[in-house]
Structures are given as structure tokens and as C-alpha cells.
């Protein structure tokens, strides 16, 4: 069923495409009502427009806070054309039908993002706009509601095809979009207000996100999936520009996020992280990016095949040429120079993402995880142990070189699935044990992987000999530490706090191992 548009009300903050849209409506014989800046822009373009105040017979008051909140506006929107009683009420009260509402709201989200003060944010809460949108959307049987400039062309084209009318299908689609917009707007306001009141966990959690991409499938082909963004400006996969390569998959996005968050832990030197199935198979720092890449790759080149590569510096040609030798799914970096882009352009299936910056590892943010029937909400793990916060608990103190590697290993371990064990030597991972049910198994697997990688590289000495080891949580027994001792580790970093700490410390002392406690745990499930 089509509904002809004879009268439209336009009131927009975002003036994109406004004049062109108003001109098209006028050319199709539509009377245009408008307010404030919208009316001025339309009039300046030579398009006839009637001020809302002239339509209602009631002036704007209270600095524009009250202008469209009037029965002649909402009656014209809400009156059901199919009900004679509604039409009679409109006639009795001199209310003219309004057939189209074009409204986008005061820029509240943008105002908050700019760090405006409380009063300014309050004044940028739109009241009349959401009211009109909701009225029009509720009565979409007869009224067309437009909240996004990208829909102007669709409406104009459909009116041209239907003698000035829109179809029921289009009105329903636009109504759904309108309710989604007002819902997101109210969510942004309530979230901001909770923050102003210091409420980390408000009584009602409102989550608002915008569809960025419908994915081919989810973790597996039989699952449907999509990618949504939350409007935060944290550099990463959600804000990145894809310069080349095929469409990112669900698993690509998840792993790329893990890779970039990990490499963002390091800012002092060039660093590279290679991720496979959300776990690192190689992380390293170097004097140059190519040195860091080669060190990271050497940790586990077998697992790196088909992985995700994240770097914390502008990608250069030399590093790009080395990366091009490996089959990788994604490369993500803060930027890439033209020569590097040209090198990777030859790898047509490789996705290259640039973020414009690095994520702040200590930045405040929240993470949300779904459970059956609910959600888990928590602060992002922004914990970072500093050198002077380490507590030496063994007779032997770690050397300065060991301390450097211990801190490096603990930062990496924060991004490894628990139970997490990470061996590090000379600023690079040499073995990673992830996601095991027992910590001693993680220790053994990490050492075994290091041994296998060394053998494949033709090395005579165990890579873990002279390394340091990190544990994301305390050793509940000495067996995990003894596995590291057997592998040749000389220093250990762990949170401490086990009932058997003294037993573990004694085992370290017995083998002349240096051990430091952090007092901070980094479980990652």
C-alpha cells in the first residue's frame, strides 16, 4: 500500500544533502515545514518553506527548547488516516496531516566525544527530534520517517516511481531504522549520565552498536555473524582502513584484534606480534621492525603460517618483503609507506589494515561477553606491572637483562589464553604454552615447542636455556616451576599468592633460580 506525501517536516542537525532533498520534494509538489537552521538553508536555496511556528500558530520559546512539541505537529503525525474518528479529530482541531518527517538529532554523541562540559552536553540532548521520529515511526502505516541522509535518494526515487508516494515496505524499513536510532541515542545519554554519576555498573545496561559488516559466516560455516562497532575511537580493527585483500572473516577479525592489542603493549622499541587462533606464536622487539619480525617469526614459524601479523611502527618496504615470503591472512599496522604497500599489493588475498595509531594498553574501556541468559561486563585488563613494583622473593636477584625479559614475558602472557606460560630470551618469545588445563602442562608444551623450533632451525642448544619464564597466575605447586628449570630457564615472573608459595620459592632457591612476584594476575579465558 502506497502513501502519498503532500506535506513534509524537515529539521536536521546534519545538513548533508538537505537542500537537494528539499528541492526534490518541492518539485514533486510537497509542502515543506521546517525550523531554525534547516528552514534558513532551504529558504536560502530558493525553495518555498513554512516555519513550524507559522504552521502551529505558536512561537518557539525557551531558547528553542519548545518548538515542535505541539498538538498540530504530533496530531498531524499520529493521526491514523484509516480511522474516521482520528480524521474527524484532526478536522475539529484544525490539524493538517504531516506525511513525511526528516529529522536527525542534536549531535549529543559528538559533543560528549569532544569532552564538552556537563551543561553543554545537557543542551545537546534532543527532545523534540526523538519525539517526532517516534510519532512518525509509530504511524508508519501512513507516515514516512527519514533519519539518515543516505536514505534521501531512496525516498525520492520511490516517490518518482509512485506518483509522489512511498511503499509500505519502505516505510516499515525506515521506521525500524528510526526506532533503532532513537534507541541508540537514549542509550548514549544514559551511559554518559551513569558515567557522570560515577556508576561503573548501572542498574540497567544499555548497549548500542552500529552494523559495520555482515560476514560470510561466523566461527564455522553453519553460523551466521556480523561485525558491529561501538563508536569508540580506540585504534584497532574496528577503526582501521582496509587497503587491500578479500573480505575479513569472523575469525580474522577476532585474531586481528588480539594481535593489535598485544603489539600495542610495546612502545619503547619496534615490536611484532604474530597470532594464530587468538594466541601468540611469536612476539619480539628489535632495533628495527625487520629485526623484530624475524625474531618473532623464529619462535614458531610452523604455527605462523596463515597467521595474523601486527606491528607497532609504520610498515616499511624491507619488512613487507619479508612478510610477503610467508602466507599470512592479515597485516595490521599504524601506517604503511608507499613502498611497503606496493610490495604487499602483489599478495592479492592478504588483507592490509592501517589504524592511524596504536591502542593505549592502559586506556579505560569495558569488555562485554555474552552468557546464556546474560552478559559479563568488566574493565579491560589494563594492568601493567612496573619495574619498581616487582618483589624479589628468592636468594638470587635477577640481572638487569633478566628483568627486561621478565617484564616483556609478563606483558605477552597477559594476551595468552590461560593457563599461560611464556619463555622469553633476548626480547623475543622462544616458547608459548596456552590454554591448558594444568599449568605444568603449559610449561612442558612451551618448552617442547621451543625445542622443536630450535631443532628445525638446526640449533644445537635448547632455546629455553638461559631464558626467563612468565606465568599468568601463581604456581599452585612447584612442578610447573621445575618444568621450567628442566627447560633451562634462569628467572621466573609470577603473581604469587599460592598457599604453597614457600614451597615454590624453596624449589627456585634450590636450583639458583631468580624469581619475582608481581602481585597481579592476568587470566585470559
Protein backbone atom coordinates (compact mmCIF):
# COMPACT_ATOMS: atom_id res chain seq x y z
CA UNK A 1 0.00 0.00 0.00
CA UNK A 2 1.42 3.35 -1.01
CA UNK A 3 1.05 6.59 0.94
CA UNK A 4 1.31 9.87 -0.91
CA UNK A 5 3.40 12.65 0.59
CA UNK A 6 1.75 16.05 0.47
CA UNK A 7 3.39 17.69 3.48
CA UNK A 8 6.86 17.15 4.99
CA UNK A 9 8.53 18.40 8.14
CA UNK A 10 12.31 18.78 7.96
CA UNK A 11 14.51 19.56 10.98
CA UNK A 12 18.10 18.34 10.80
CA UNK A 13 21.38 18.99 12.58
CA UNK A 14 23.39 17.28 9.85
CA UNK A 15 22.72 19.36 6.73
CA UNK A 16 24.31 16.82 4.36
CA UNK A 17 22.10 16.58 1.25
CA UNK A 18 19.42 18.77 2.84
CA UNK A 19 18.97 21.28 0.01
CA UNK A 20 18.93 18.61 -2.70
CA UNK A 21 16.35 16.59 -0.78
CA UNK A 22 14.13 19.61 -0.12
CA UNK A 23 14.36 20.62 -3.78
CA UNK A 24 13.28 17.14 -4.91
CA UNK A 25 10.33 17.17 -2.51
CA UNK A 26 9.27 20.62 -3.73
CA UNK A 27 9.48 19.52 -7.35
CA UNK A 28 7.05 16.71 -6.51
CA UNK A 29 4.55 19.19 -5.05
CA UNK A 30 5.31 18.65 -1.35
CA UNK A 31 4.71 21.48 1.11
CA UNK A 32 7.75 21.81 3.39
CA UNK A 33 7.61 22.75 7.08
CA UNK A 34 10.87 23.42 8.86
CA UNK A 35 12.62 25.03 11.82
CA UNK A 36 15.70 27.12 12.62
CA UNK A 37 18.83 26.47 10.61
CA UNK A 38 17.12 23.93 8.36
CA UNK A 39 14.48 26.45 7.32
CA UNK A 40 17.13 29.08 6.65
CA UNK A 41 19.18 26.72 4.47
CA UNK A 42 16.14 25.66 2.46
CA UNK A 43 14.93 29.26 2.03
CA UNK A 44 18.41 30.41 1.01
CA UNK A 45 18.31 27.86 -1.81
CA UNK A 46 15.12 29.49 -3.15
CA UNK A 47 12.84 26.65 -2.07
CA UNK A 48 9.49 27.60 -0.51
CA UNK A 49 9.39 26.67 3.19
CA UNK A 50 6.96 27.36 6.03
CA UNK A 51 8.21 27.88 9.57
CA UNK A 52 6.76 25.44 12.09
CA UNK A 53 5.76 28.39 14.30
CA UNK A 54 3.61 29.73 11.46
CA UNK A 55 2.06 26.29 10.99
CA UNK A 56 1.21 25.82 14.67
CA UNK A 57 0.44 29.43 15.47
CA UNK A 58 2.69 29.09 18.50
CA UNK A 59 6.17 30.67 18.69
CA UNK A 60 9.42 28.92 19.56
CA UNK A 61 10.08 29.53 23.25
CA UNK A 62 12.71 28.78 25.89
CA UNK A 63 15.67 29.22 23.54
CA UNK A 64 14.19 26.75 21.07
CA UNK A 65 13.60 24.01 23.64
CA UNK A 66 9.91 24.09 22.73
CA UNK A 67 9.03 24.43 19.07
CA UNK A 68 7.72 21.13 17.66
CA UNK A 69 6.14 19.81 20.86
CA UNK A 70 2.66 20.84 19.78
CA UNK A 71 -0.65 19.01 19.01
CA UNK A 72 -0.65 20.34 15.45
CA UNK A 73 2.67 18.57 14.89
CA UNK A 74 2.10 15.33 16.75
CA UNK A 75 -1.57 15.14 15.84
CA UNK A 76 -0.55 15.52 12.19
CA UNK A 77 1.92 12.66 12.62
CA UNK A 78 -0.04 10.27 14.82
CA UNK A 79 -3.49 10.63 13.27
CA UNK A 80 -4.44 7.36 11.56
CA UNK A 81 -5.75 8.09 8.10
CA UNK A 82 -7.71 4.83 8.06
CA UNK A 83 -9.77 5.74 11.16
CA UNK A 84 -12.65 8.15 10.63
CA UNK A 85 -12.56 9.13 14.33
CA UNK A 86 -8.91 10.22 14.01
CA UNK A 87 -9.62 12.15 10.83
CA UNK A 88 -12.61 13.87 12.47
CA UNK A 89 -10.48 14.83 15.49
CA UNK A 90 -7.88 16.33 13.14
CA UNK A 91 -10.59 18.28 11.34
CA UNK A 92 -12.19 19.50 14.59
CA UNK A 93 -8.84 20.77 15.87
CA UNK A 94 -7.57 22.23 12.62
CA UNK A 95 -4.74 19.69 12.36
CA UNK A 96 -3.24 19.03 8.93
CA UNK A 97 -1.64 15.65 8.17
CA UNK A 98 2.17 15.50 8.00
CA UNK A 99 3.20 12.70 5.68
CA UNK A 100 6.98 12.74 5.97
CA UNK A 101 9.36 13.58 8.81
CA UNK A 102 13.04 14.12 8.08
CA UNK A 103 14.93 14.55 11.35
CA UNK A 104 18.44 13.86 12.54
CA UNK A 105 19.25 14.65 16.11
CA UNK A 106 21.34 17.12 18.06
CA UNK A 107 24.93 15.81 17.99
CA UNK A 108 24.96 14.54 21.58
CA UNK A 109 27.45 11.70 20.97
CA UNK A 110 29.86 14.02 19.15
CA UNK A 111 29.55 16.63 21.90
CA UNK A 112 30.47 14.07 24.56
CA UNK A 113 33.34 12.76 22.44
CA UNK A 114 34.80 16.27 22.27
CA UNK A 115 34.91 16.39 26.07
CA UNK A 116 32.32 19.15 26.48
CA UNK A 117 31.26 20.21 29.96
CA UNK A 118 28.13 18.92 31.68
CA UNK A 119 25.83 21.84 30.78
CA UNK A 120 26.85 21.77 27.11
CA UNK A 121 26.15 18.04 26.92
CA UNK A 122 22.74 18.54 28.53
CA UNK A 123 21.82 21.23 25.99
CA UNK A 124 22.72 18.81 23.20
CA UNK A 125 20.10 16.30 24.32
CA UNK A 126 17.40 16.46 21.67
CA UNK A 127 13.81 16.22 22.92
CA UNK A 128 11.60 17.33 20.05
CA UNK A 129 13.53 15.36 17.45
CA UNK A 130 13.16 11.91 19.05
CA UNK A 131 9.51 12.70 19.82
CA UNK A 132 8.75 13.43 16.18
CA UNK A 133 10.73 10.43 14.99
CA UNK A 134 8.87 8.08 17.32
CA UNK A 135 5.48 9.55 16.41
CA UNK A 136 6.17 9.20 12.71
CA UNK A 137 7.63 5.71 13.06
CA UNK A 138 4.69 4.51 15.12
CA UNK A 139 2.33 5.70 12.40
CA UNK A 140 4.44 4.34 9.53
CA UNK A 141 1.23 2.97 8.06
CA UNK A 142 0.81 6.48 6.65
CA UNK A 143 3.98 8.45 7.51
CA UNK A 144 7.46 8.16 6.04
CA UNK A 145 10.26 8.82 8.54
CA UNK A 146 13.84 9.55 7.46
CA UNK A 147 16.69 9.77 9.98
CA UNK A 148 19.70 9.14 7.74
CA UNK A 149 20.78 11.31 4.78
CA UNK A 150 21.82 8.14 2.97
CA UNK A 151 18.10 7.31 2.61
CA UNK A 152 17.15 10.55 0.84
CA UNK A 153 17.81 9.15 -2.63
CA UNK A 154 15.74 6.03 -1.94
CA UNK A 155 12.74 8.08 -0.84
CA UNK A 156 12.96 10.49 -3.78
CA UNK A 157 13.32 7.65 -6.30
CA UNK A 158 10.36 5.78 -4.86
CA UNK A 159 8.17 8.89 -4.90
CA UNK A 160 9.08 9.43 -8.55
CA UNK A 161 8.02 5.89 -9.38
CA UNK A 162 4.77 6.02 -7.39
CA UNK A 163 3.26 9.41 -8.17
CA UNK A 164 4.62 11.07 -5.03
CA UNK A 165 4.04 8.09 -2.70
CA UNK A 166 6.21 5.60 -0.80
CA UNK A 167 5.55 1.90 -0.39
CA UNK A 168 4.54 0.17 2.83
CA UNK A 169 7.72 -1.93 2.74
CA UNK A 170 9.96 1.14 2.60
CA UNK A 171 8.04 2.91 5.36
CA UNK A 172 8.38 -0.15 7.59
CA UNK A 173 12.12 -0.43 6.93
CA UNK A 174 12.61 3.28 7.65
CA UNK A 175 10.50 3.05 10.81
CA UNK A 176 12.66 0.22 12.14
CA UNK A 177 15.75 2.28 11.40
CA UNK A 178 14.20 5.26 13.15
CA UNK A 179 13.45 3.34 16.36
CA UNK A 180 16.98 1.91 16.29
CA UNK A 181 18.36 5.45 16.06
CA UNK A 182 16.35 6.83 18.97
CA UNK A 183 17.20 3.72 20.98
CA UNK A 184 20.91 4.22 20.37
CA UNK A 185 20.57 7.92 21.17
CA UNK A 186 18.89 7.24 24.50
CA UNK A 187 21.49 4.57 25.24
CA UNK A 188 24.30 7.07 24.67
CA UNK A 189 22.64 9.55 27.01
CA UNK A 190 22.03 7.02 29.78
CA UNK A 191 25.58 5.68 29.51
CA UNK A 192 27.01 9.20 29.72
CA UNK A 193 24.77 10.05 32.68
CA UNK A 194 25.86 6.91 34.53
CA UNK A 195 29.45 7.99 34.00
CA UNK A 196 28.70 11.45 35.35
CA UNK A 197 27.31 9.80 38.48
CA UNK A 198 30.35 7.57 38.80
CA UNK A 199 28.35 4.39 38.13
CA UNK A 200 30.65 1.79 36.56
CA UNK A 201 27.85 -0.76 36.61
CA UNK A 202 24.46 0.98 36.21
CA UNK A 203 21.23 -0.76 37.21
CA UNK A 204 20.29 -1.17 33.54
CA UNK A 205 22.95 -1.82 30.93
CA UNK A 206 22.30 -0.24 27.54
CA UNK A 207 24.42 -1.41 24.64
CA UNK A 208 24.41 0.44 21.35
CA UNK A 209 26.37 -0.58 18.27
CA UNK A 210 26.25 0.06 14.54
CA UNK A 211 26.45 -2.60 11.87
CA UNK A 212 29.74 -2.29 10.01
CA UNK A 213 29.78 -5.53 8.07
CA UNK A 214 27.68 -8.63 7.55
CA UNK A 215 30.10 -11.55 7.49
CA UNK A 216 30.01 -14.57 5.23
CA UNK A 217 29.69 -16.77 8.34
CA UNK A 218 30.82 -16.99 11.96
CA UNK A 219 33.47 -19.14 13.59
CA UNK A 220 32.15 -22.01 11.45
CA UNK A 221 30.29 -22.02 8.12
CA UNK A 222 27.00 -23.07 9.71
CA UNK A 223 26.97 -19.95 11.95
CA UNK A 224 25.71 -16.52 10.89
CA UNK A 225 27.69 -13.46 12.01
CA UNK A 226 28.13 -9.72 11.67
CA UNK A 227 30.59 -7.08 12.86
CA UNK A 228 29.32 -4.10 14.88
CA UNK A 229 31.21 -1.03 16.07
CA UNK A 230 30.50 0.85 19.29
CA UNK A 231 31.61 4.32 18.21
CA UNK A 232 34.70 4.35 20.45
CA UNK A 233 37.83 5.78 18.87
CA UNK A 234 40.25 3.17 20.24
CA UNK A 235 42.63 2.41 17.34
CA UNK A 236 42.32 -1.15 16.16
CA UNK A 237 40.44 -3.44 13.86
CA UNK A 238 37.15 -1.54 14.29
CA UNK A 239 38.63 1.80 13.20
CA UNK A 240 41.14 0.50 10.65
CA UNK A 241 41.06 1.16 6.93
CA UNK A 242 41.47 -1.95 4.79
CA UNK A 243 43.79 -1.08 1.93
CA UNK A 244 43.70 -4.42 0.11
CA UNK A 245 42.69 -8.04 0.28
CA UNK A 246 39.49 -10.01 0.43
CA UNK A 247 36.74 -9.56 2.99
CA UNK A 248 37.69 -10.16 6.62
CA UNK A 249 36.10 -13.19 8.26
CA UNK A 250 34.80 -13.59 11.82
CA UNK A 251 38.00 -15.39 12.85
CA UNK A 252 40.18 -12.85 11.02
CA UNK A 253 38.57 -10.02 12.97
CA UNK A 254 38.90 -11.79 16.30
CA UNK A 255 42.55 -12.72 15.74
CA UNK A 256 43.48 -9.32 14.30
CA UNK A 257 42.05 -7.61 17.36
CA UNK A 258 44.10 -9.93 19.59
CA UNK A 259 47.26 -9.24 17.59
CA UNK A 260 46.93 -5.46 17.62
CA UNK A 261 46.03 -5.30 21.31
CA UNK A 262 49.12 -7.38 22.10
CA UNK A 263 51.59 -5.39 20.00
CA UNK A 264 50.19 -2.16 21.46
CA UNK A 265 51.69 -3.24 24.80
CA UNK A 266 55.08 -2.27 23.41
CA UNK A 267 56.02 1.28 22.53
CA UNK A 268 59.67 1.68 23.50
CA UNK A 269 61.04 -0.29 20.55
CA UNK A 270 59.77 -1.66 17.23
CA UNK A 271 57.70 -4.76 18.01
CA UNK A 272 55.90 -7.50 16.10
CA UNK A 273 53.25 -9.98 17.22
CA UNK A 274 52.19 -13.00 15.17
CA UNK A 275 48.86 -14.51 16.21
CA UNK A 276 47.16 -17.80 15.43
CA UNK A 277 43.73 -18.66 16.86
CA UNK A 278 43.90 -15.66 19.24
CA UNK A 279 47.17 -16.84 20.83
CA UNK A 280 50.65 -15.50 20.04
CA UNK A 281 53.02 -17.86 18.26
CA UNK A 282 55.78 -15.23 18.24
CA UNK A 283 56.35 -11.79 19.78
CA UNK A 284 59.56 -9.78 19.71
CA UNK A 285 61.16 -6.38 19.99
CA UNK A 286 64.11 -5.25 17.89
CA UNK A 287 66.24 -2.27 16.96
CA UNK A 288 64.34 -2.22 13.65
CA UNK A 289 60.99 -3.54 12.54
CA UNK A 290 62.51 -6.20 10.30
CA UNK A 291 64.68 -7.42 13.16
CA UNK A 292 61.62 -7.65 15.41
CA UNK A 293 59.71 -9.52 12.68
CA UNK A 294 62.43 -12.08 12.09
CA UNK A 295 62.81 -12.67 15.84
CA UNK A 296 59.04 -13.10 16.25
CA UNK A 297 58.79 -15.47 13.30
CA UNK A 298 61.65 -17.63 14.56
CA UNK A 299 59.70 -18.55 17.72
CA UNK A 300 57.25 -20.81 15.87
CA UNK A 301 57.40 -20.44 12.07
CA UNK A 302 55.21 -23.51 11.58
CA UNK A 303 52.28 -22.05 13.52
CA UNK A 304 52.85 -18.61 11.98
CA UNK A 305 51.74 -19.98 8.58
CA UNK A 306 48.31 -18.47 7.91
CA UNK A 307 48.57 -16.19 10.92
CA UNK A 308 47.94 -12.54 11.69
CA UNK A 309 50.86 -10.10 11.86
CA UNK A 310 50.67 -6.89 13.90
CA UNK A 311 53.42 -4.25 14.09
CA UNK A 312 53.73 -1.10 16.19
CA UNK A 313 55.56 1.07 13.68
CA UNK A 314 54.95 2.26 10.12
CA UNK A 315 55.40 -0.77 7.90
CA UNK A 316 58.44 -0.34 5.66
CA UNK A 317 59.45 -1.99 2.38
CA UNK A 318 62.14 -4.24 3.89
CA UNK A 319 59.78 -5.70 6.49
CA UNK A 320 56.97 -6.02 3.94
CA UNK A 321 59.27 -8.03 1.66
CA UNK A 322 59.97 -10.50 4.48
CA UNK A 323 56.28 -10.75 5.37
CA UNK A 324 55.46 -11.43 1.72
CA UNK A 325 57.55 -14.62 1.91
CA UNK A 326 55.10 -16.06 4.44
CA UNK A 327 51.47 -16.94 3.87
CA UNK A 328 49.66 -14.56 6.23
CA UNK A 329 45.97 -13.75 6.44
CA UNK A 330 46.20 -10.16 7.76
CA UNK A 331 48.79 -7.48 8.42
CA UNK A 332 47.72 -4.66 10.74
CA UNK A 333 49.86 -1.60 11.43
CA UNK A 334 49.50 2.05 12.42
CA UNK A 335 50.60 3.01 8.90
CA UNK A 336 52.47 1.70 5.86
CA UNK A 337 54.73 3.57 3.47
CA UNK A 338 54.07 3.52 -0.27
CA UNK A 339 56.87 1.06 -0.97
CA UNK A 340 55.50 -1.41 1.58
CA UNK A 341 52.01 -1.10 0.11
CA UNK A 342 53.38 -1.81 -3.35
CA UNK A 343 55.18 -4.94 -2.12
CA UNK A 344 52.10 -6.36 -0.42
CA UNK A 345 49.82 -5.43 -3.33
CA UNK A 346 51.23 -8.48 -5.11
CA UNK A 347 49.67 -10.67 -2.41
CA UNK A 348 46.10 -10.08 -3.54
CA UNK A 349 44.41 -12.18 -0.84
CA UNK A 350 46.41 -10.64 2.01
CA UNK A 351 44.43 -8.07 3.97
CA UNK A 352 46.40 -4.93 4.87
CA UNK A 353 44.85 -2.75 7.59
CA UNK A 354 46.10 0.63 8.80
CA UNK A 355 44.79 2.07 12.05
CA UNK A 356 46.33 5.54 12.18
CA UNK A 357 47.69 4.92 15.68
CA UNK A 358 48.27 2.43 18.46
CA UNK A 359 45.82 1.37 21.17
CA UNK A 360 46.52 2.61 24.69
CA UNK A 361 47.26 -0.55 26.74
CA UNK A 362 46.34 1.31 29.92
CA UNK A 363 43.30 3.06 28.47
CA UNK A 364 39.98 2.79 30.26
CA UNK A 365 37.44 0.67 28.46
CA UNK A 366 34.95 -2.10 29.14
CA UNK A 367 34.63 -5.57 27.66
CA UNK A 368 31.35 -7.42 27.25
CA UNK A 369 30.86 -11.17 26.93
CA UNK A 370 27.58 -12.99 26.44
CA UNK A 371 26.44 -15.93 28.51
CA UNK A 372 23.24 -17.93 28.19
CA UNK A 373 20.67 -15.50 29.55
CA UNK A 374 23.04 -12.66 30.37
CA UNK A 375 26.29 -10.77 30.00
CA UNK A 376 29.58 -10.38 31.80
CA UNK A 377 30.87 -6.82 31.91
CA UNK A 378 34.32 -5.88 33.18
CA UNK A 379 37.12 -3.35 32.80
CA UNK A 380 39.62 -4.14 30.09
CA UNK A 381 42.75 -5.72 31.58
CA UNK A 382 44.81 -2.54 31.56
CA UNK A 383 47.06 -3.69 34.40
CA UNK A 384 50.76 -3.18 33.80
CA UNK A 385 53.48 -4.06 36.30
CA UNK A 386 56.37 -1.60 36.54
CA UNK A 387 59.96 -2.50 37.26
CA UNK A 388 59.98 -0.95 40.73
CA UNK A 389 56.81 -2.85 41.68
CA UNK A 390 58.42 -6.28 41.36
CA UNK A 391 59.14 -8.15 44.58
CA UNK A 392 62.22 -10.37 44.55
CA UNK A 393 61.41 -13.44 46.67
CA UNK A 394 64.46 -15.64 46.05
CA UNK A 395 68.03 -15.51 47.29
CA UNK A 396 69.31 -14.67 43.82
CA UNK A 397 68.18 -11.41 42.31
CA UNK A 398 67.51 -11.24 38.57
CA UNK A 399 70.06 -9.44 36.41
CA UNK A 400 69.06 -6.27 34.55
CA UNK A 401 68.87 -8.27 31.31
CA UNK A 402 66.66 -10.86 33.00
CA UNK A 403 64.42 -8.10 34.37
CA UNK A 404 63.93 -6.71 30.85
CA UNK A 405 62.91 -10.13 29.58
CA UNK A 406 60.72 -10.86 32.62
CA UNK A 407 58.67 -7.70 32.10
CA UNK A 408 58.45 -8.45 28.37
CA UNK A 409 57.28 -12.00 29.07
CA UNK A 410 54.65 -10.88 31.57
CA UNK A 411 53.20 -8.39 29.08
CA UNK A 412 52.98 -11.11 26.44
CA UNK A 413 51.46 -13.56 28.91
CA UNK A 414 48.61 -11.14 29.51
CA UNK A 415 47.46 -11.91 25.96
CA UNK A 416 47.85 -15.70 26.09
CA UNK A 417 44.92 -17.94 26.95
CA UNK A 418 45.14 -19.36 30.47
CA UNK A 419 46.89 -21.32 31.76
CA UNK A 420 49.65 -19.25 30.14
CA UNK A 421 53.38 -19.91 30.23
CA UNK A 422 55.77 -17.80 28.15
CA UNK A 423 59.52 -18.32 27.72
CA UNK A 424 61.48 -15.24 26.59
CA UNK A 425 65.12 -14.69 25.74
CA UNK A 426 66.76 -11.50 24.44
CA UNK A 427 63.50 -9.65 23.81
CA UNK A 428 61.67 -12.42 21.96
CA UNK A 429 59.41 -15.31 22.81
CA UNK A 430 61.05 -18.70 22.41
CA UNK A 431 58.17 -20.82 23.67
CA UNK A 432 54.47 -20.28 24.41
CA UNK A 433 52.15 -22.64 26.26
CA UNK A 434 48.50 -21.64 26.07
CA UNK A 435 45.07 -22.75 27.16
CA UNK A 436 45.97 -25.90 29.06
CA UNK A 437 44.01 -27.26 31.99
CA UNK A 438 47.14 -27.52 34.15
CA UNK A 439 49.99 -25.04 34.46
CA UNK A 440 52.63 -27.76 34.39
CA UNK A 441 51.32 -28.93 31.00
CA UNK A 442 51.59 -25.38 29.67
CA UNK A 443 55.20 -25.27 30.93
CA UNK A 444 56.05 -28.56 29.23
CA UNK A 445 54.30 -27.68 25.96
CA UNK A 446 56.02 -24.30 25.74
CA UNK A 447 59.41 -25.92 26.33
CA UNK A 448 58.67 -28.68 23.82
CA UNK A 449 57.62 -26.20 21.13
CA UNK A 450 60.80 -24.21 21.74
CA UNK A 451 62.87 -27.39 21.41
CA UNK A 452 61.13 -28.39 18.16
CA UNK A 453 61.58 -24.92 16.64
CA UNK A 454 65.26 -24.98 17.57
CA UNK A 455 65.77 -28.43 16.04
CA UNK A 456 64.03 -27.36 12.83
CA UNK A 457 66.35 -24.35 12.67
CA UNK A 458 69.40 -26.60 13.12
CA UNK A 459 70.31 -25.20 16.55
CA UNK A 460 72.33 -27.41 18.88
CA UNK A 461 71.43 -25.63 22.12
CA UNK A 462 67.96 -25.55 23.67
CA UNK A 463 66.34 -22.18 23.04
CA UNK A 464 64.96 -22.11 26.55
CA UNK A 465 68.42 -22.46 28.09
CA UNK A 466 69.18 -19.14 29.76
CA UNK A 467 65.64 -17.87 29.14
CA UNK A 468 63.14 -16.41 31.60
CA UNK A 469 59.62 -17.68 32.11
CA UNK A 470 56.34 -15.95 32.88
CA UNK A 471 53.22 -17.44 34.42
CA UNK A 472 49.93 -15.56 34.20
CA UNK A 473 48.89 -16.84 37.64
CA UNK A 474 50.68 -18.38 40.60
CA UNK A 475 52.27 -21.83 40.52
CA UNK A 476 49.99 -23.92 42.76
CA UNK A 477 52.78 -26.48 43.11
CA UNK A 478 56.49 -26.50 42.45
CA UNK A 479 56.07 -28.86 39.46
CA UNK A 480 55.39 -26.07 36.98
CA UNK A 481 58.49 -24.20 38.07
CA UNK A 482 60.57 -27.39 37.99
CA UNK A 483 59.45 -27.96 34.39
CA UNK A 484 60.84 -24.51 33.58
CA UNK A 485 64.06 -25.32 35.43
CA UNK A 486 64.41 -28.50 33.41
CA UNK A 487 63.98 -26.44 30.24
CA UNK A 488 66.90 -24.23 31.30
CA UNK A 489 65.10 -21.08 32.49
CA UNK A 490 67.08 -18.91 34.90
CA UNK A 491 64.42 -16.49 36.15
CA UNK A 492 60.68 -16.55 36.78
CA UNK A 493 57.96 -13.90 37.00
CA UNK A 494 54.61 -14.81 38.52
CA UNK A 495 51.87 -13.16 40.60
CA UNK A 496 52.45 -15.15 43.79
CA UNK A 497 49.72 -15.73 46.34
CA UNK A 498 49.60 -19.53 46.42
CA UNK A 499 49.27 -21.43 49.68
CA UNK A 500 52.48 -23.17 48.59
CA UNK A 501 54.48 -20.07 47.70
CA UNK A 502 57.16 -21.03 50.21
CA UNK A 503 57.49 -24.45 48.60
CA UNK A 504 57.85 -22.88 45.15
CA UNK A 505 60.35 -20.30 46.42
CA UNK A 506 62.40 -23.05 48.08
CA UNK A 507 62.49 -25.00 44.81
CA UNK A 508 63.69 -21.89 42.98
CA UNK A 509 66.40 -21.30 45.58
CA UNK A 510 67.50 -24.92 45.41
CA UNK A 511 68.14 -24.52 41.67
CA UNK A 512 69.59 -20.98 41.96
CA UNK A 513 66.65 -19.51 40.05
CA UNK A 514 65.72 -15.84 40.45
CA UNK A 515 62.00 -15.25 40.97
CA UNK A 516 59.91 -12.11 41.27
CA UNK A 517 56.29 -11.69 42.33
CA UNK A 518 54.04 -9.14 40.63
CA UNK A 519 51.01 -9.25 42.92
CA UNK A 520 48.91 -9.01 39.73
CA UNK A 521 47.29 -11.85 37.81
CA UNK A 522 46.48 -11.91 34.09
CA UNK A 523 43.97 -14.71 33.49
CA UNK A 524 42.58 -14.65 29.95
CA UNK A 525 39.71 -17.02 29.28
